[in-house]
PDB file of N, CA and C in Angstrom:
ATOM      1  N   MET A   1      12.786 -22.876  26.239  1.00  0.00           N
ATOM      2  CA  MET A   1      13.736 -22.943  25.149  1.00  0.00           C
ATOM      3  C   MET A   1      14.909 -22.019  25.482  1.00  0.00           C
ATOM      4  N   THR A   2      16.091 -22.436  25.135  1.00  0.00           N
ATOM      5  CA  THR A   2      17.280 -21.625  25.404  1.00  0.00           C
ATOM      6  C   THR A   2      17.890 -21.126  24.098  1.00  0.00           C
ATOM      7  N   HIS A   3      18.524 -19.967  24.206  1.00  0.00           N
ATOM      8  CA  HIS A   3      19.197 -19.379  23.052  1.00  0.00           C
ATOM      9  C   HIS A   3      20.453 -20.194  22.770  1.00  0.00           C
ATOM     10  N   PRO A   4      20.674 -20.590  21.492  1.00  0.00           N
ATOM     11  CA  PRO A   4      21.806 -21.456  21.188  1.00  0.00           C
ATOM     12  C   PRO A   4      23.181 -20.836  21.474  1.00  0.00           C
ATOM     13  N   ARG A   5      23.333 -19.518  21.347  1.00  0.00           N
ATOM     14  CA  ARG A   5      24.634 -18.888  21.590  1.00  0.00           C
ATOM     15  C   ARG A   5      24.870 -18.568  23.053  1.00  0.00           C
ATOM     16  N   THR A   6      23.831 -18.005  23.714  1.00  0.00           N
ATOM     17  CA  THR A   6      24.023 -17.537  25.088  1.00  0.00           C
ATOM     18  C   THR A   6      23.655 -18.570  26.137  1.00  0.00           C
ATOM     19  N   GLY A   7      22.803 -19.518  25.766  1.00  0.00           N
ATOM     20  CA  GLY A   7      22.341 -20.501  26.727  1.00  0.00           C
ATOM     21  C   GLY A   7      21.281 -19.953  27.678  1.00  0.00           C
ATOM     22  N   GLN A   8      20.879 -18.709  27.484  1.00  0.00           N
ATOM     23  CA  GLN A   8      19.865 -18.077  28.322  1.00  0.00           C
ATOM     24  C   GLN A   8      18.471 -18.460  27.840  1.00  0.00           C
ATOM     25  N   PRO A   9      17.500 -18.485  28.754  1.00  0.00           N
ATOM     26  CA  PRO A   9      16.127 -18.772  28.331  1.00  0.00           C
ATOM     27  C   PRO A   9      15.587 -17.671  27.411  1.00  0.00           C
ATOM     28  N   VAL A  10      14.835 -18.061  26.417  1.00  0.00           N
ATOM     29  CA  VAL A  10      14.250 -17.128  25.454  1.00  0.00           C
ATOM     30  C   VAL A  10      12.773 -16.960  25.798  1.00  0.00           C
ATOM     31  N   ALA A  11      12.341 -15.714  25.879  1.00  0.00           N
ATOM     32  CA  ALA A  11      10.931 -15.439  26.190  1.00  0.00           C
ATOM     33  C   ALA A  11      10.058 -15.817  25.009  1.00  0.00           C
ATOM     34  N   ARG A  12       8.823 -16.185  25.292  1.00  0.00           N
ATOM     35  CA  ARG A  12       7.877 -16.515  24.226  1.00  0.00           C
ATOM     36  C   ARG A  12       7.473 -15.256  23.479  1.00  0.00           C
ATOM     37  N   GLY A  13       7.061 -15.429  22.260  1.00  0.00           N
ATOM     38  CA  GLY A  13       6.626 -14.289  21.445  1.00  0.00           C
ATOM     39  C   GLY A  13       7.735 -13.858  20.512  1.00  0.00           C
ATOM     40  N   ARG A  14       7.395 -12.897  19.676  1.00  0.00           N
ATOM     41  CA  ARG A  14       8.369 -12.413  18.709  1.00  0.00           C
ATOM     42  C   ARG A  14       9.235 -11.332  19.315  1.00  0.00           C
ATOM     43  N   SER A  15      10.491 -11.375  18.962  1.00  0.00           N
ATOM     44  CA  SER A  15      11.384 -10.323  19.430  1.00  0.00           C
ATOM     45  C   SER A  15      11.362  -9.193  18.414  1.00  0.00           C
ATOM     46  N   VAL A  16      11.634  -7.998  18.881  1.00  0.00           N
ATOM     47  CA  VAL A  16      11.661  -6.824  18.020  1.00  0.00           C
ATOM     48  C   VAL A  16      13.118  -6.512  17.717  1.00  0.00           C
ATOM     49  N   PRO A  17      13.443  -6.310  16.437  1.00  0.00           N
ATOM     50  CA  PRO A  17      14.829  -5.984  16.097  1.00  0.00           C
ATOM     51  C   PRO A  17      15.290  -4.715  16.817  1.00  0.00           C
ATOM     52  N   PRO A  18      16.572  -4.606  17.130  1.00  0.00           N
ATOM     53  CA  PRO A  18      17.068  -3.423  17.838  1.00  0.00           C
ATOM     54  C   PRO A  18      16.787  -2.146  17.053  1.00  0.00           C
ATOM     55  N   GLY A  19      16.417  -1.102  17.764  1.00  0.00           N
ATOM     56  CA  GLY A  19      16.175   0.194  17.138  1.00  0.00           C
ATOM     57  C   GLY A  19      14.792   0.364  16.553  1.00  0.00           C
ATOM     58  N   ARG A  20      13.985  -0.658  16.579  1.00  0.00           N
ATOM     59  CA  ARG A  20      12.667  -0.552  15.965  1.00  0.00           C
ATOM     60  C   ARG A  20      11.558  -0.301  16.983  1.00  0.00           C
ATOM     61  N   GLY A  21      11.860  -0.382  18.246  1.00  0.00           N
ATOM     62  CA  GLY A  21      10.839  -0.152  19.257  1.00  0.00           C
ATOM     63  C   GLY A  21       9.830  -1.290  19.266  1.00  0.00           C
ATOM     64  N   ARG A  22       8.682  -1.036  19.844  1.00  0.00           N
ATOM     65  CA  ARG A  22       7.654  -2.069  19.941  1.00  0.00           C
ATOM     66  C   ARG A  22       6.508  -1.812  18.975  1.00  0.00           C
ATOM     67  N   ARG A  23       6.753  -1.156  17.880  1.00  0.00           N
ATOM     68  CA  ARG A  23       5.719  -0.809  16.912  1.00  0.00           C
ATOM     69  C   ARG A  23       5.262  -2.051  16.156  1.00  0.00           C
ATOM     70  N   ASP A  24       3.959  -2.164  15.990  1.00  0.00           N
ATOM     71  CA  ASP A  24       3.380  -3.284  15.264  1.00  0.00           C
ATOM     72  C   ASP A  24       3.771  -3.190  13.787  1.00  0.00           C
ATOM     73  N   ARG A  25       4.194  -4.279  13.209  1.00  0.00           N
ATOM     74  CA  ARG A  25       4.632  -4.276  11.808  1.00  0.00           C
ATOM     75  C   ARG A  25       3.494  -3.971  10.852  1.00  0.00           C
ATOM     76  N   ARG A  26       2.289  -4.397  11.206  1.00  0.00           N
ATOM     77  CA  ARG A  26       1.145  -4.091  10.339  1.00  0.00           C
ATOM     78  C   ARG A  26       0.862  -2.595  10.312  1.00  0.00           C
ATOM     79  N   THR A  27       1.025  -1.946  11.442  1.00  0.00           N
ATOM     80  CA  THR A  27       0.834  -0.497  11.501  1.00  0.00           C
ATOM     81  C   THR A  27       1.895   0.204  10.667  1.00  0.00           C
ATOM     82  N   ALA A  28       3.123  -0.258  10.753  1.00  0.00           N
ATOM     83  CA  ALA A  28       4.208   0.323   9.961  1.00  0.00           C
ATOM     84  C   ALA A  28       3.934   0.146   8.466  1.00  0.00           C
ATOM     85  N   LEU A  29       3.447  -1.023   8.072  1.00  0.00           N
ATOM     86  CA  LEU A  29       3.114  -1.268   6.670  1.00  0.00           C
ATOM     87  C   LEU A  29       1.973  -0.360   6.216  1.00  0.00           C
ATOM     88  N   ALA A  30       0.933  -0.239   7.034  1.00  0.00           N
ATOM     89  CA  ALA A  30      -0.204   0.624   6.692  1.00  0.00           C
ATOM     90  C   ALA A  30       0.240   2.073   6.565  1.00  0.00           C
ATOM     91  N   ASP A  31       1.115   2.516   7.453  1.00  0.00           N
ATOM     92  CA  ASP A  31       1.625   3.889   7.379  1.00  0.00           C
ATOM     93  C   ASP A  31       2.415   4.118   6.099  1.00  0.00           C
ATOM     94  N   TRP A  32       3.225   3.133   5.712  1.00  0.00           N
ATOM     95  CA  TRP A  32       3.998   3.266   4.485  1.00  0.00           C
ATOM     96  C   TRP A  32       3.090   3.265   3.258  1.00  0.00           C
ATOM     97  N   LEU A  33       2.110   2.345   3.238  1.00  0.00           N
ATOM     98  CA  LEU A  33       1.208   2.268   2.091  1.00  0.00           C
ATOM     99  C   LEU A  33       0.435   3.556   1.890  1.00  0.00           C
ATOM    100  N   THR A  34      -0.040   4.124   2.981  1.00  0.00           N
ATOM    101  CA  THR A  34      -0.901   5.301   2.882  1.00  0.00           C
ATOM    102  C   THR A  34      -0.146   6.611   3.035  1.00  0.00           C
ATOM    103  N   ALA A  35       1.161   6.573   2.929  1.00  0.00           N
ATOM    104  CA  ALA A  35       1.935   7.816   2.979  1.00  0.00           C
ATOM    105  C   ALA A  35       1.637   8.631   1.723  1.00  0.00           C
ATOM    106  N   ALA A  36       1.520   9.934   1.895  1.00  0.00           N
ATOM    107  CA  ALA A  36       1.193  10.809   0.770  1.00  0.00           C
ATOM    108  C   ALA A  36       2.257  10.764  -0.321  1.00  0.00           C
ATOM    109  N   ASP A  37       3.499  10.441   0.037  1.00  0.00           N
ATOM    110  CA  ASP A  37       4.573  10.393  -0.959  1.00  0.00           C
ATOM    111  C   ASP A  37       4.752   9.017  -1.593  1.00  0.00           C
ATOM    112  N   ASN A  38       3.864   8.070  -1.307  1.00  0.00           N
ATOM    113  CA  ASN A  38       3.902   6.753  -1.941  1.00  0.00           C
ATOM    114  C   ASN A  38       2.909   6.747  -3.104  1.00  0.00           C
ATOM    115  N   PRO A  39       3.373   6.939  -4.335  1.00  0.00           N
ATOM    116  CA  PRO A  39       2.453   7.044  -5.468  1.00  0.00           C
ATOM    117  C   PRO A  39       1.855   5.705  -5.901  1.00  0.00           C
ATOM    118  N   PHE A  40       2.456   4.614  -5.505  1.00  0.00           N
ATOM    119  CA  PHE A  40       2.029   3.310  -5.995  1.00  0.00           C
ATOM    120  C   PHE A  40       0.658   2.898  -5.460  1.00  0.00           C
ATOM    121  N   PHE A  41       0.440   3.046  -4.178  1.00  0.00           N
ATOM    122  CA  PHE A  41      -0.811   2.593  -3.564  1.00  0.00           C
ATOM    123  C   PHE A  41      -2.008   3.371  -4.112  1.00  0.00           C
ATOM    124  N   ALA A  42      -1.937   4.684  -4.097  1.00  0.00           N
ATOM    125  CA  ALA A  42      -3.064   5.508  -4.541  1.00  0.00           C
ATOM    126  C   ALA A  42      -3.378   5.252  -6.017  1.00  0.00           C
ATOM    127  N   LYS A  43      -2.358   5.153  -6.847  1.00  0.00           N
ATOM    128  CA  LYS A  43      -2.595   4.896  -8.266  1.00  0.00           C
ATOM    129  C   LYS A  43      -3.161   3.506  -8.494  1.00  0.00           C
ATOM    130  N   SER A  44      -2.673   2.541  -7.745  1.00  0.00           N
ATOM    131  CA  SER A  44      -3.173   1.179  -7.881  1.00  0.00           C
ATOM    132  C   SER A  44      -4.651   1.088  -7.492  1.00  0.00           C
ATOM    133  N   VAL A  45      -5.012   1.721  -6.394  1.00  0.00           N
ATOM    134  CA  VAL A  45      -6.411   1.700  -5.955  1.00  0.00           C
ATOM    135  C   VAL A  45      -7.284   2.462  -6.941  1.00  0.00           C
ATOM    136  N   ALA A  46      -6.827   3.618  -7.390  1.00  0.00           N
ATOM    137  CA  ALA A  46      -7.601   4.400  -8.361  1.00  0.00           C
ATOM    138  C   ALA A  46      -7.821   3.593  -9.645  1.00  0.00           C
ATOM    139  N   ASN A  47      -6.794   2.909 -10.102  1.00  0.00           N
ATOM    140  CA  ASN A  47      -6.916   2.086 -11.299  1.00  0.00           C
ATOM    141  C   ASN A  47      -7.889   0.926 -11.084  1.00  0.00           C
ATOM    142  N   ARG A  48      -7.809   0.318  -9.915  1.00  0.00           N
ATOM    143  CA  ARG A  48      -8.700  -0.812  -9.586  1.00  0.00           C
ATOM    144  C   ARG A  48     -10.161  -0.350  -9.530  1.00  0.00           C
ATOM    145  N   VAL A  49     -10.414   0.790  -8.923  1.00  0.00           N
ATOM    146  CA  VAL A  49     -11.781   1.327  -8.853  1.00  0.00           C
ATOM    147  C   VAL A  49     -12.279   1.628 -10.263  1.00  0.00           C
ATOM    148  N   TRP A  50     -11.440   2.252 -11.079  1.00  0.00           N
ATOM    149  CA  TRP A  50     -11.817   2.558 -12.469  1.00  0.00           C
ATOM    150  C   TRP A  50     -12.172   1.262 -13.204  1.00  0.00           C
ATOM    151  N   TYR A  51     -11.383   0.234 -12.998  1.00  0.00           N
ATOM    152  CA  TYR A  51     -11.636  -1.069 -13.627  1.00  0.00           C
ATOM    153  C   TYR A  51     -13.001  -1.627 -13.215  1.00  0.00           C
ATOM    154  N   HIS A  52     -13.318  -1.553 -11.924  1.00  0.00           N
ATOM    155  CA  HIS A  52     -14.592  -2.096 -11.454  1.00  0.00           C
ATOM    156  C   HIS A  52     -15.780  -1.270 -11.937  1.00  0.00           C
ATOM    157  N   LEU A  53     -15.596   0.018 -12.119  1.00  0.00           N
ATOM    158  CA  LEU A  53     -16.694   0.858 -12.588  1.00  0.00           C
ATOM    159  C   LEU A  53     -16.897   0.781 -14.099  1.00  0.00           C
ATOM    160  N   PHE A  54     -15.814   0.672 -14.851  1.00  0.00           N
ATOM    161  CA  PHE A  54     -15.906   0.766 -16.307  1.00  0.00           C
ATOM    162  C   PHE A  54     -15.503  -0.497 -17.063  1.00  0.00           C
ATOM    163  N   GLY A  55     -15.057  -1.531 -16.349  1.00  0.00           N
ATOM    164  CA  GLY A  55     -14.725  -2.791 -17.004  1.00  0.00           C
ATOM    165  C   GLY A  55     -13.348  -2.835 -17.625  1.00  0.00           C
ATOM    166  N   ARG A  56     -12.624  -1.756 -17.541  1.00  0.00           N
ATOM    167  CA  ARG A  56     -11.261  -1.691 -18.075  1.00  0.00           C
ATOM    168  C   ARG A  56     -10.478  -0.676 -17.259  1.00  0.00           C
ATOM    169  N   GLY A  57      -9.267  -1.037 -16.884  1.00  0.00           N
ATOM    170  CA  GLY A  57      -8.446  -0.132 -16.094  1.00  0.00           C
ATOM    171  C   GLY A  57      -7.788   0.934 -16.945  1.00  0.00           C
ATOM    172  N   ILE A  58      -7.341   1.981 -16.305  1.00  0.00           N
ATOM    173  CA  ILE A  58      -6.566   3.013 -17.001  1.00  0.00           C
ATOM    174  C   ILE A  58      -5.219   2.416 -17.388  1.00  0.00           C
ATOM    175  N   VAL A  59      -4.716   1.522 -16.550  1.00  0.00           N
ATOM    176  CA  VAL A  59      -3.526   0.718 -16.851  1.00  0.00           C
ATOM    177  C   VAL A  59      -4.013  -0.724 -16.938  1.00  0.00           C
ATOM    178  N   GLU A  60      -3.708  -1.381 -18.024  1.00  0.00           N
ATOM    179  CA  GLU A  60      -4.111  -2.777 -18.209  1.00  0.00           C
ATOM    180  C   GLU A  60      -2.878  -3.664 -18.219  1.00  0.00           C
ATOM    181  N   PRO A  61      -2.924  -4.815 -17.621  1.00  0.00           N
ATOM    182  CA  PRO A  61      -4.019  -5.367 -16.826  1.00  0.00           C
ATOM    183  C   PRO A  61      -4.123  -4.655 -15.479  1.00  0.00           C
ATOM    184  N   ALA A  62      -5.338  -4.530 -15.002  1.00  0.00           N
ATOM    185  CA  ALA A  62      -5.612  -3.754 -13.792  1.00  0.00           C
ATOM    186  C   ALA A  62      -5.017  -4.382 -12.537  1.00  0.00           C
ATOM    187  N   ASP A  63      -4.845  -5.682 -12.515  1.00  0.00           N
ATOM    188  CA  ASP A  63      -4.361  -6.350 -11.300  1.00  0.00           C
ATOM    189  C   ASP A  63      -2.859  -6.579 -11.295  1.00  0.00           C
ATOM    190  N   ASP A  64      -2.128  -6.020 -12.243  1.00  0.00           N
ATOM    191  CA  ASP A  64      -0.683  -6.217 -12.301  1.00  0.00           C
ATOM    192  C   ASP A  64       0.000  -4.869 -12.460  1.00  0.00           C
ATOM    193  N   SER A  65       0.336  -4.242 -11.345  1.00  0.00           N
ATOM    194  CA  SER A  65       0.967  -2.923 -11.406  1.00  0.00           C
ATOM    195  C   SER A  65       2.462  -3.005 -11.716  1.00  0.00           C
ATOM    196  N   ALA A  66       3.003  -4.204 -11.792  1.00  0.00           N
ATOM    197  CA  ALA A  66       4.425  -4.358 -12.069  1.00  0.00           C
ATOM    198  C   ALA A  66       4.731  -4.340 -13.568  1.00  0.00           C
ATOM    199  N   THR A  67       3.698  -4.388 -14.396  1.00  0.00           N
ATOM    200  CA  THR A  67       3.938  -4.399 -15.838  1.00  0.00           C
ATOM    201  C   THR A  67       4.359  -3.010 -16.299  1.00  0.00           C
ATOM    202  N   PRO A  68       5.189  -2.952 -17.319  1.00  0.00           N
ATOM    203  CA  PRO A  68       5.640  -1.645 -17.817  1.00  0.00           C
ATOM    204  C   PRO A  68       4.626  -0.965 -18.733  1.00  0.00           C
ATOM    205  N   THR A  69       3.393  -1.427 -18.766  1.00  0.00           N
ATOM    206  CA  THR A  69       2.374  -0.827 -19.613  1.00  0.00           C
ATOM    207  C   THR A  69       2.075   0.592 -19.144  1.00  0.00           C
ATOM    208  N   PRO A  70       2.186   1.568 -20.012  1.00  0.00           N
ATOM    209  CA  PRO A  70       1.881   2.937 -19.597  1.00  0.00           C
ATOM    210  C   PRO A  70       0.369   3.137 -19.455  1.00  0.00           C
ATOM    211  N   PRO A  71      -0.040   4.077 -18.613  1.00  0.00           N
ATOM    212  CA  PRO A  71      -1.470   4.353 -18.473  1.00  0.00           C
ATOM    213  C   PRO A  71      -2.047   4.895 -19.773  1.00  0.00           C
ATOM    214  N   ALA A  72      -3.314   4.603 -20.016  1.00  0.00           N
ATOM    215  CA  ALA A  72      -3.984   5.126 -21.210  1.00  0.00           C
ATOM    216  C   ALA A  72      -4.130   6.640 -21.110  1.00  0.00           C
ATOM    217  N   HIS A  73      -4.222   7.148 -19.875  1.00  0.00           N
ATOM    218  CA  HIS A  73      -4.374   8.595 -19.664  1.00  0.00           C
ATOM    219  C   HIS A  73      -3.657   8.966 -18.369  1.00  0.00           C
ATOM    220  N   ASP A  74      -2.409   9.412 -18.501  1.00  0.00           N
ATOM    221  CA  ASP A  74      -1.583   9.747 -17.335  1.00  0.00           C
ATOM    222  C   ASP A  74      -2.234  10.769 -16.415  1.00  0.00           C
ATOM    223  N   ALA A  75      -2.737  11.844 -16.993  1.00  0.00           N
ATOM    224  CA  ALA A  75      -3.297  12.936 -16.193  1.00  0.00           C
ATOM    225  C   ALA A  75      -4.513  12.471 -15.399  1.00  0.00           C
ATOM    226  N   LEU A  76      -5.334  11.623 -15.996  1.00  0.00           N
ATOM    227  CA  LEU A  76      -6.518  11.116 -15.295  1.00  0.00           C
ATOM    228  C   LEU A  76      -6.114  10.259 -14.104  1.00  0.00           C
ATOM    229  N   LEU A  77      -5.180   9.357 -14.303  1.00  0.00           N
ATOM    230  CA  LEU A  77      -4.729   8.492 -13.205  1.00  0.00           C
ATOM    231  C   LEU A  77      -4.086   9.320 -12.095  1.00  0.00           C
ATOM    232  N   ASP A  78      -3.277  10.304 -12.463  1.00  0.00           N
ATOM    233  CA  ASP A  78      -2.653  11.178 -11.462  1.00  0.00           C
ATOM    234  C   ASP A  78      -3.702  11.969 -10.688  1.00  0.00           C
ATOM    235  N   ALA A  79      -4.715  12.473 -11.377  1.00  0.00           N
ATOM    236  CA  ALA A  79      -5.766  13.255 -10.718  1.00  0.00           C
ATOM    237  C   ALA A  79      -6.588  12.388  -9.768  1.00  0.00           C
ATOM    238  N   LEU A  80      -6.914  11.170 -10.187  1.00  0.00           N
ATOM    239  CA  LEU A  80      -7.670  10.270  -9.318  1.00  0.00           C
ATOM    240  C   LEU A  80      -6.855   9.880  -8.082  1.00  0.00           C
ATOM    241  N   ALA A  81      -5.577   9.606  -8.283  1.00  0.00           N
ATOM    242  CA  ALA A  81      -4.705   9.246  -7.153  1.00  0.00           C
ATOM    243  C   ALA A  81      -4.568  10.419  -6.194  1.00  0.00           C
ATOM    244  N   LYS A  82      -4.415  11.631  -6.720  1.00  0.00           N
ATOM    245  CA  LYS A  82      -4.295  12.820  -5.869  1.00  0.00           C
ATOM    246  C   LYS A  82      -5.588  13.050  -5.090  1.00  0.00           C
ATOM    247  N   GLU A  83      -6.709  12.898  -5.738  1.00  0.00           N
ATOM    248  CA  GLU A  83      -8.008  13.057  -5.068  1.00  0.00           C
ATOM    249  C   GLU A  83      -8.165  12.030  -3.946  1.00  0.00           C
ATOM    250  N   PHE A  84      -7.736  10.813  -4.205  1.00  0.00           N
ATOM    251  CA  PHE A  84      -7.811   9.741  -3.221  1.00  0.00           C
ATOM    252  C   PHE A  84      -6.953  10.062  -1.993  1.00  0.00           C
ATOM    253  N   VAL A  85      -5.735  10.542  -2.228  1.00  0.00           N
ATOM    254  CA  VAL A  85      -4.829  10.906  -1.130  1.00  0.00           C
ATOM    255  C   VAL A  85      -5.360  12.128  -0.387  1.00  0.00           C
ATOM    256  N   ASP A  86      -5.805  13.143  -1.125  1.00  0.00           N
ATOM    257  CA  ASP A  86      -6.281  14.388  -0.508  1.00  0.00           C
ATOM    258  C   ASP A  86      -7.485  14.172   0.404  1.00  0.00           C
ATOM    259  N   HIS A  87      -8.257  13.142   0.126  1.00  0.00           N
ATOM    260  CA  HIS A  87      -9.445  12.854   0.941  1.00  0.00           C
ATOM    261  C   HIS A  87      -9.202  11.661   1.867  1.00  0.00           C
ATOM    262  N   LYS A  88      -7.950  11.502   2.274  1.00  0.00           N
ATOM    263  CA  LYS A  88      -7.556  10.506   3.279  1.00  0.00           C
ATOM    264  C   LYS A  88      -7.975   9.086   2.925  1.00  0.00           C
ATOM    265  N   PHE A  89      -7.789   8.740   1.645  1.00  0.00           N
ATOM    266  CA  PHE A  89      -8.020   7.384   1.155  1.00  0.00           C
ATOM    267  C   PHE A  89      -9.472   6.936   1.342  1.00  0.00           C
ATOM    268  N   ASP A  90     -10.382   7.840   1.104  1.00  0.00           N
ATOM    269  CA  ASP A  90     -11.816   7.571   1.234  1.00  0.00           C
ATOM    270  C   ASP A  90     -12.340   6.998  -0.090  1.00  0.00           C
ATOM    271  N   LEU A  91     -12.652   5.703  -0.098  1.00  0.00           N
ATOM    272  CA  LEU A  91     -13.131   5.063  -1.324  1.00  0.00           C
ATOM    273  C   LEU A  91     -14.483   5.618  -1.766  1.00  0.00           C
ATOM    274  N   ARG A  92     -15.341   5.946  -0.826  1.00  0.00           N
ATOM    275  CA  ARG A  92     -16.654   6.502  -1.190  1.00  0.00           C
ATOM    276  C   ARG A  92     -16.477   7.804  -1.963  1.00  0.00           C
ATOM    277  N   HIS A  93     -15.548   8.640  -1.521  1.00  0.00           N
ATOM    278  CA  HIS A  93     -15.316   9.883  -2.230  1.00  0.00           C
ATOM    279  C   HIS A  93     -14.794   9.610  -3.636  1.00  0.00           C
ATOM    280  N   LEU A  94     -13.904   8.657  -3.759  1.00  0.00           N
ATOM    281  CA  LEU A  94     -13.336   8.323  -5.066  1.00  0.00           C
ATOM    282  C   LEU A  94     -14.412   7.813  -6.018  1.00  0.00           C
ATOM    283  N   VAL A  95     -15.334   7.035  -5.511  1.00  0.00           N
ATOM    284  CA  VAL A  95     -16.390   6.465  -6.353  1.00  0.00           C
ATOM    285  C   VAL A  95     -17.438   7.523  -6.707  1.00  0.00           C
ATOM    286  N   ASN A  96     -17.750   8.389  -5.756  1.00  0.00           N
ATOM    287  CA  ASN A  96     -18.762   9.414  -6.015  1.00  0.00           C
ATOM    288  C   ASN A  96     -18.172  10.500  -6.858  1.00  0.00           C
TER     289      ASN A  96
END
């Protein structure tokens, strides 16, 4: 296959945008999700675990974090999310 502008042959596989290096996009996504300064992931997981253990999330509905519904207990959700992050996203620790 040739590039429509240059007429040069195009190598198979995906090209990496300039400046991004050869880093796997899934790794970049995982790093962003599990970054300590990303409050969304830890709170979402903590809420989901609470829902599975107690039948009701701290934020309802438990599977829709985009809703503007405030948490039933802000401090509890923050503490669970902090504990989850502090223990390197260990679900067993969060459940125990």
